[in-house]
Amino acid sequence: MQTTVPETAQAGPGLLIHSAGPLEQNAFAGILRSAANARAALGLEAGIEVVVQGPGVKLLTKNSPATEAITNAGQLHVDILACGNSMRSAGMEDKDLAPGVGTVPAAIAHLTRRQWDGWAYARL
């Protein structure tokens, strides 16, 4: 089930992990491992989001080799979000996304709002 996070959604402090540009499967797996390590260190009360922007959104599709890693991240309450603008550029629709992957209309606006809300930012 896809979840869309509105840009105006308010949330408590958390960690925002940003991936922009081309993205290889091994690099994405490393990003998700970092998110899992953060979850272990920060506990369940902290929000953790991985926002994928650019051509890397292609790794978030149903038939992607990263599907198992996406499922595992979801079990750790790590939200994986695809940039809607990047999806359009890649010719993708919401129905193409792997289960558990959400969307934001524009990654840059979502990143900005989260930082305004006090979230920590890491680009990996």
N, C-alpha and C. Protein backbone atom coordinates (compact mmCIF):
# COMPACT_ATOMS: atom_id res chain seq x y z
N MET A 1 0.84 -1.18 0.00
CA MET A 1 0.00 0.00 0.00
C MET A 1 0.88 1.24 0.00
N GLN A 2 0.68 2.12 -0.96
CA GLN A 2 1.45 3.35 -1.04
C GLN A 2 0.90 4.39 -0.07
N THR A 3 1.80 5.16 0.47
CA THR A 3 1.39 6.27 1.31
C THR A 3 1.99 7.52 0.73
N THR A 4 1.21 8.54 0.67
CA THR A 4 1.70 9.82 0.20
C THR A 4 1.83 10.73 1.41
N VAL A 5 2.97 11.36 1.54
CA VAL A 5 3.22 12.26 2.65
C VAL A 5 3.01 13.68 2.16
N PRO A 6 1.97 14.36 2.66
CA PRO A 6 1.76 15.74 2.21
C PRO A 6 2.90 16.62 2.68
N GLU A 7 3.27 17.59 1.85
CA GLU A 7 4.36 18.49 2.19
C GLU A 7 4.09 19.26 3.48
N THR A 8 2.84 19.42 3.83
CA THR A 8 2.51 20.21 5.01
C THR A 8 2.38 19.37 6.27
N ALA A 9 2.59 18.04 6.15
CA ALA A 9 2.44 17.18 7.33
C ALA A 9 3.45 17.58 8.40
N GLN A 10 2.99 17.71 9.62
CA GLN A 10 3.87 18.03 10.74
C GLN A 10 4.25 16.74 11.44
N ALA A 11 5.47 16.64 11.85
CA ALA A 11 5.92 15.46 12.59
C ALA A 11 7.00 15.90 13.56
N GLY A 12 7.21 15.08 14.58
CA GLY A 12 8.26 15.37 15.55
C GLY A 12 9.63 15.24 14.91
N PRO A 13 10.67 15.48 15.68
CA PRO A 13 12.02 15.40 15.13
C PRO A 13 12.32 14.01 14.56
N GLY A 14 13.16 14.00 13.59
CA GLY A 14 13.53 12.74 12.96
C GLY A 14 14.79 12.91 12.15
N LEU A 15 15.09 11.88 11.39
CA LEU A 15 16.26 11.86 10.50
C LEU A 15 15.77 11.75 9.07
N LEU A 16 16.23 12.65 8.25
CA LEU A 16 15.88 12.70 6.84
C LEU A 16 17.12 12.33 6.04
N ILE A 17 17.07 11.19 5.36
CA ILE A 17 18.19 10.74 4.53
C ILE A 17 17.83 10.99 3.08
N HIS A 18 18.68 11.73 2.38
CA HIS A 18 18.40 12.18 1.03
C HIS A 18 19.34 11.50 0.05
N SER A 19 18.79 10.88 -0.97
CA SER A 19 19.57 10.32 -2.06
C SER A 19 19.15 11.03 -3.33
N ALA A 20 20.11 11.67 -4.00
CA ALA A 20 19.80 12.39 -5.23
C ALA A 20 20.72 11.92 -6.35
N GLY A 21 20.18 11.87 -7.55
CA GLY A 21 20.98 11.49 -8.71
C GLY A 21 20.91 10.01 -9.00
N PRO A 22 21.83 9.55 -9.85
CA PRO A 22 21.87 8.12 -10.18
C PRO A 22 22.12 7.30 -8.92
N LEU A 23 21.57 6.10 -8.88
CA LEU A 23 21.68 5.28 -7.68
C LEU A 23 21.83 3.82 -8.07
N GLU A 24 22.92 3.21 -7.65
CA GLU A 24 23.16 1.79 -7.89
C GLU A 24 22.54 0.98 -6.76
N GLN A 25 22.22 -0.27 -7.04
CA GLN A 25 21.59 -1.13 -6.04
C GLN A 25 22.45 -1.25 -4.78
N ASN A 26 23.76 -1.42 -4.91
CA ASN A 26 24.63 -1.56 -3.74
C ASN A 26 24.65 -0.29 -2.90
N ALA A 27 24.65 0.86 -3.56
CA ALA A 27 24.64 2.12 -2.83
C ALA A 27 23.31 2.29 -2.09
N PHE A 28 22.21 1.91 -2.71
CA PHE A 28 20.91 2.01 -2.07
C PHE A 28 20.83 1.07 -0.87
N ALA A 29 21.38 -0.13 -1.02
CA ALA A 29 21.42 -1.07 0.11
C ALA A 29 22.21 -0.48 1.27
N GLY A 30 23.30 0.23 0.96
CA GLY A 30 24.09 0.89 1.99
C GLY A 30 23.31 2.00 2.69
N ILE A 31 22.53 2.74 1.93
CA ILE A 31 21.69 3.80 2.51
C ILE A 31 20.68 3.18 3.47
N LEU A 32 20.07 2.08 3.05
CA LEU A 32 19.08 1.43 3.92
C LEU A 32 19.73 0.81 5.15
N ARG A 33 20.97 0.33 5.03
CA ARG A 33 21.69 -0.15 6.21
C ARG A 33 21.96 0.99 7.18
N SER A 34 22.33 2.15 6.64
CA SER A 34 22.54 3.33 7.50
C SER A 34 21.25 3.71 8.21
N ALA A 35 20.13 3.62 7.51
CA ALA A 35 18.83 3.92 8.13
C ALA A 35 18.53 2.92 9.24
N ALA A 36 18.85 1.65 9.01
CA ALA A 36 18.62 0.62 10.03
C ALA A 36 19.51 0.87 11.25
N ASN A 37 20.75 1.26 11.01
CA ASN A 37 21.65 1.59 12.13
C ASN A 37 21.13 2.79 12.91
N ALA A 38 20.60 3.77 12.20
CA ALA A 38 20.03 4.94 12.87
C ALA A 38 18.81 4.53 13.70
N ARG A 39 17.98 3.65 13.16
CA ARG A 39 16.81 3.18 13.91
C ARG A 39 17.25 2.51 15.21
N ALA A 40 18.28 1.66 15.14
CA ALA A 40 18.77 0.97 16.33
C ALA A 40 19.29 1.97 17.36
N ALA A 41 19.95 3.02 16.91
CA ALA A 41 20.54 3.99 17.83
C ALA A 41 19.52 5.01 18.36
N LEU A 42 18.57 5.39 17.51
CA LEU A 42 17.63 6.46 17.88
C LEU A 42 16.33 5.95 18.50
N GLY A 43 16.03 4.68 18.33
CA GLY A 43 14.79 4.13 18.87
C GLY A 43 13.61 4.40 17.97
N LEU A 44 12.47 3.83 18.34
CA LEU A 44 11.26 3.93 17.52
C LEU A 44 10.59 5.29 17.56
N GLU A 45 10.92 6.11 18.56
CA GLU A 45 10.24 7.41 18.67
C GLU A 45 10.70 8.40 17.60
N ALA A 46 11.86 8.19 17.02
CA ALA A 46 12.37 9.10 15.98
C ALA A 46 11.82 8.69 14.62
N GLY A 47 11.36 9.66 13.86
CA GLY A 47 10.98 9.38 12.47
C GLY A 47 12.24 9.22 11.64
N ILE A 48 12.21 8.30 10.70
CA ILE A 48 13.33 8.14 9.76
C ILE A 48 12.73 8.00 8.37
N GLU A 49 13.17 8.87 7.48
CA GLU A 49 12.72 8.85 6.09
C GLU A 49 13.92 8.81 5.16
N VAL A 50 13.80 8.01 4.11
CA VAL A 50 14.76 8.00 3.01
C VAL A 50 14.02 8.57 1.81
N VAL A 51 14.46 9.73 1.34
CA VAL A 51 13.83 10.38 0.20
C VAL A 51 14.74 10.21 -1.02
N VAL A 52 14.19 9.57 -2.06
CA VAL A 52 14.96 9.31 -3.27
C VAL A 52 14.50 10.28 -4.36
N GLN A 53 15.48 11.01 -4.89
CA GLN A 53 15.23 12.04 -5.90
C GLN A 53 16.13 11.78 -7.09
N GLY A 54 15.62 11.99 -8.28
CA GLY A 54 16.42 11.78 -9.49
C GLY A 54 16.20 10.39 -10.06
N PRO A 55 17.08 9.98 -10.97
CA PRO A 55 16.89 8.70 -11.66
C PRO A 55 16.93 7.49 -10.73
N GLY A 56 17.40 7.65 -9.51
CA GLY A 56 17.42 6.56 -8.55
C GLY A 56 16.04 6.04 -8.20
N VAL A 57 14.98 6.81 -8.51
CA VAL A 57 13.62 6.34 -8.20
C VAL A 57 13.31 5.04 -8.93
N LYS A 58 14.04 4.73 -9.99
CA LYS A 58 13.81 3.48 -10.72
C LYS A 58 14.09 2.25 -9.86
N LEU A 59 14.90 2.41 -8.81
CA LEU A 59 15.16 1.29 -7.89
C LEU A 59 13.99 1.02 -6.96
N LEU A 60 12.99 1.88 -6.97
CA LEU A 60 11.86 1.76 -6.05
C LEU A 60 10.66 1.06 -6.69
N THR A 61 10.84 0.45 -7.84
CA THR A 61 9.73 -0.20 -8.53
C THR A 61 9.48 -1.61 -8.00
N LYS A 62 8.32 -2.14 -8.35
CA LYS A 62 7.88 -3.47 -7.89
C LYS A 62 8.88 -4.57 -8.22
N ASN A 63 9.46 -4.53 -9.39
CA ASN A 63 10.35 -5.61 -9.84
C ASN A 63 11.82 -5.29 -9.63
N SER A 64 12.11 -4.31 -8.82
CA SER A 64 13.48 -3.89 -8.56
C SER A 64 14.22 -4.95 -7.75
N PRO A 65 15.52 -5.08 -7.97
CA PRO A 65 16.31 -5.99 -7.14
C PRO A 65 16.41 -5.50 -5.69
N ALA A 66 15.95 -4.29 -5.43
CA ALA A 66 16.00 -3.72 -4.07
C ALA A 66 14.72 -3.97 -3.28
N THR A 67 13.77 -4.71 -3.84
CA THR A 67 12.47 -4.90 -3.20
C THR A 67 12.59 -5.51 -1.80
N GLU A 68 13.44 -6.50 -1.63
CA GLU A 68 13.60 -7.13 -0.31
C GLU A 68 14.16 -6.13 0.70
N ALA A 69 15.12 -5.34 0.29
CA ALA A 69 15.69 -4.33 1.19
C ALA A 69 14.65 -3.29 1.56
N ILE A 70 13.78 -2.93 0.63
CA ILE A 70 12.69 -1.98 0.89
C ILE A 70 11.74 -2.57 1.93
N THR A 71 11.38 -3.84 1.76
CA THR A 71 10.50 -4.51 2.72
C THR A 71 11.12 -4.53 4.11
N ASN A 72 12.40 -4.88 4.18
CA ASN A 72 13.10 -4.93 5.47
C ASN A 72 13.13 -3.56 6.14
N ALA A 73 13.35 -2.51 5.37
CA ALA A 73 13.37 -1.15 5.93
C ALA A 73 11.99 -0.80 6.49
N GLY A 74 10.95 -1.18 5.78
CA GLY A 74 9.59 -0.91 6.25
C GLY A 74 9.30 -1.59 7.58
N GLN A 75 9.84 -2.78 7.76
CA GLN A 75 9.65 -3.51 9.02
C GLN A 75 10.33 -2.79 10.19
N LEU A 76 11.32 -1.96 9.88
CA LEU A 76 12.02 -1.18 10.91
C LEU A 76 11.40 0.21 11.07
N HIS A 77 10.27 0.44 10.43
CA HIS A 77 9.59 1.74 10.47
C HIS A 77 10.44 2.85 9.87
N VAL A 78 11.10 2.52 8.77
CA VAL A 78 11.83 3.50 7.98
C VAL A 78 10.97 3.77 6.75
N ASP A 79 10.57 5.02 6.57
CA ASP A 79 9.74 5.38 5.42
C ASP A 79 10.62 5.65 4.22
N ILE A 80 10.29 5.04 3.09
CA ILE A 80 11.01 5.28 1.84
C ILE A 80 10.06 6.06 0.94
N LEU A 81 10.52 7.22 0.50
CA LEU A 81 9.67 8.12 -0.26
C LEU A 81 10.31 8.47 -1.61
N ALA A 82 9.54 8.38 -2.66
CA ALA A 82 9.99 8.74 -4.00
C ALA A 82 9.52 10.14 -4.32
N CYS A 83 10.37 10.90 -4.98
CA CYS A 83 10.01 12.25 -5.45
C CYS A 83 9.07 12.12 -6.65
N GLY A 84 7.90 12.74 -6.54
CA GLY A 84 6.92 12.69 -7.62
C GLY A 84 7.43 13.31 -8.91
N ASN A 85 8.17 14.41 -8.81
CA ASN A 85 8.72 15.04 -10.01
C ASN A 85 9.72 14.10 -10.71
N SER A 86 10.55 13.43 -9.91
CA SER A 86 11.52 12.49 -10.49
C SER A 86 10.81 11.30 -11.13
N MET A 87 9.74 10.86 -10.49
CA MET A 87 8.97 9.75 -11.07
C MET A 87 8.40 10.13 -12.43
N ARG A 88 7.86 11.33 -12.54
CA ARG A 88 7.32 11.79 -13.83
C ARG A 88 8.42 11.83 -14.89
N SER A 89 9.60 12.33 -14.51
CA SER A 89 10.73 12.39 -15.45
C SER A 89 11.15 11.00 -15.91
N ALA A 90 10.99 10.01 -15.02
CA ALA A 90 11.36 8.63 -15.34
C ALA A 90 10.22 7.86 -15.99
N GLY A 91 9.08 8.53 -16.21
CA GLY A 91 7.93 7.87 -16.83
C GLY A 91 7.24 6.88 -15.90
N MET A 92 7.31 7.13 -14.60
CA MET A 92 6.73 6.23 -13.61
C MET A 92 5.45 6.79 -13.02
N GLU A 93 4.60 5.88 -12.54
CA GLU A 93 3.38 6.24 -11.83
C GLU A 93 3.40 5.56 -10.47
N ASP A 94 2.51 5.98 -9.57
CA ASP A 94 2.44 5.39 -8.23
C ASP A 94 2.29 3.87 -8.29
N LYS A 95 1.52 3.38 -9.26
CA LYS A 95 1.27 1.94 -9.37
C LYS A 95 2.54 1.14 -9.68
N ASP A 96 3.59 1.82 -10.13
CA ASP A 96 4.85 1.15 -10.45
C ASP A 96 5.72 0.90 -9.22
N LEU A 97 5.40 1.57 -8.12
CA LEU A 97 6.25 1.51 -6.93
C LEU A 97 6.08 0.19 -6.17
N ALA A 98 7.17 -0.23 -5.54
CA ALA A 98 7.14 -1.42 -4.70
C ALA A 98 6.23 -1.17 -3.51
N PRO A 99 5.62 -2.21 -2.95
CA PRO A 99 4.79 -2.04 -1.76
C PRO A 99 5.61 -1.40 -0.63
N GLY A 100 4.98 -0.44 0.02
CA GLY A 100 5.63 0.23 1.14
C GLY A 100 6.36 1.51 0.78
N VAL A 101 6.50 1.78 -0.51
CA VAL A 101 7.16 3.02 -0.94
C VAL A 101 6.11 4.10 -1.09
N GLY A 102 6.34 5.23 -0.44
CA GLY A 102 5.43 6.36 -0.53
C GLY A 102 5.96 7.40 -1.49
N THR A 103 5.25 8.48 -1.62
CA THR A 103 5.66 9.55 -2.52
C THR A 103 5.53 10.90 -1.84
N VAL A 104 6.29 11.84 -2.32
CA VAL A 104 6.11 13.25 -1.98
C VAL A 104 6.04 13.98 -3.32
N PRO A 105 5.26 15.05 -3.41
CA PRO A 105 5.13 15.74 -4.70
C PRO A 105 6.46 16.25 -5.25
N ALA A 106 7.26 16.86 -4.38
CA ALA A 106 8.56 17.41 -4.78
C ALA A 106 9.54 17.19 -3.63
N ALA A 107 10.61 16.46 -3.89
CA ALA A 107 11.58 16.15 -2.84
C ALA A 107 12.12 17.42 -2.20
N ILE A 108 12.45 18.40 -3.00
CA ILE A 108 13.08 19.61 -2.46
C ILE A 108 12.17 20.32 -1.47
N ALA A 109 10.89 20.38 -1.75
CA ALA A 109 9.95 21.02 -0.82
C ALA A 109 9.80 20.17 0.45
N HIS A 110 9.75 18.85 0.30
CA HIS A 110 9.62 17.97 1.46
C HIS A 110 10.85 18.09 2.37
N LEU A 111 12.02 18.08 1.76
CA LEU A 111 13.26 18.22 2.52
C LEU A 111 13.27 19.54 3.30
N THR A 112 12.85 20.60 2.65
CA THR A 112 12.81 21.91 3.29
C THR A 112 11.87 21.92 4.48
N ARG A 113 10.67 21.42 4.28
CA ARG A 113 9.68 21.42 5.37
C ARG A 113 10.14 20.56 6.55
N ARG A 114 10.72 19.41 6.27
CA ARG A 114 11.20 18.57 7.36
C ARG A 114 12.29 19.30 8.16
N GLN A 115 13.19 19.98 7.47
CA GLN A 115 14.23 20.72 8.17
C GLN A 115 13.65 21.87 8.98
N TRP A 116 12.64 22.52 8.46
CA TRP A 116 11.95 23.58 9.21
C TRP A 116 11.31 22.99 10.47
N ASP A 117 10.89 21.72 10.39
CA ASP A 117 10.26 21.05 11.54
C ASP A 117 11.29 20.49 12.52
N GLY A 118 12.58 20.70 12.25
CA GLY A 118 13.61 20.27 13.18
C GLY A 118 14.24 18.93 12.88
N TRP A 119 13.97 18.36 11.71
CA TRP A 119 14.57 17.07 11.35
C TRP A 119 16.04 17.27 10.99
N ALA A 120 16.87 16.29 11.32
CA ALA A 120 18.27 16.27 10.92
C ALA A 120 18.35 15.80 9.45
N TYR A 121 19.31 16.33 8.72
CA TYR A 121 19.44 16.03 7.30
C TYR A 121 20.77 15.34 7.05
N ALA A 122 20.75 14.24 6.29
CA ALA A 122 21.96 13.57 5.86
C ALA A 122 21.81 13.21 4.38
N ARG A 123 22.78 13.56 3.60
CA ARG A 123 22.76 13.17 2.17
C ARG A 123 23.71 12.01 1.99
N LEU A 124 23.18 10.91 1.51
CA LEU A 124 23.99 9.71 1.28
C LEU A 124 23.87 9.28 -0.16
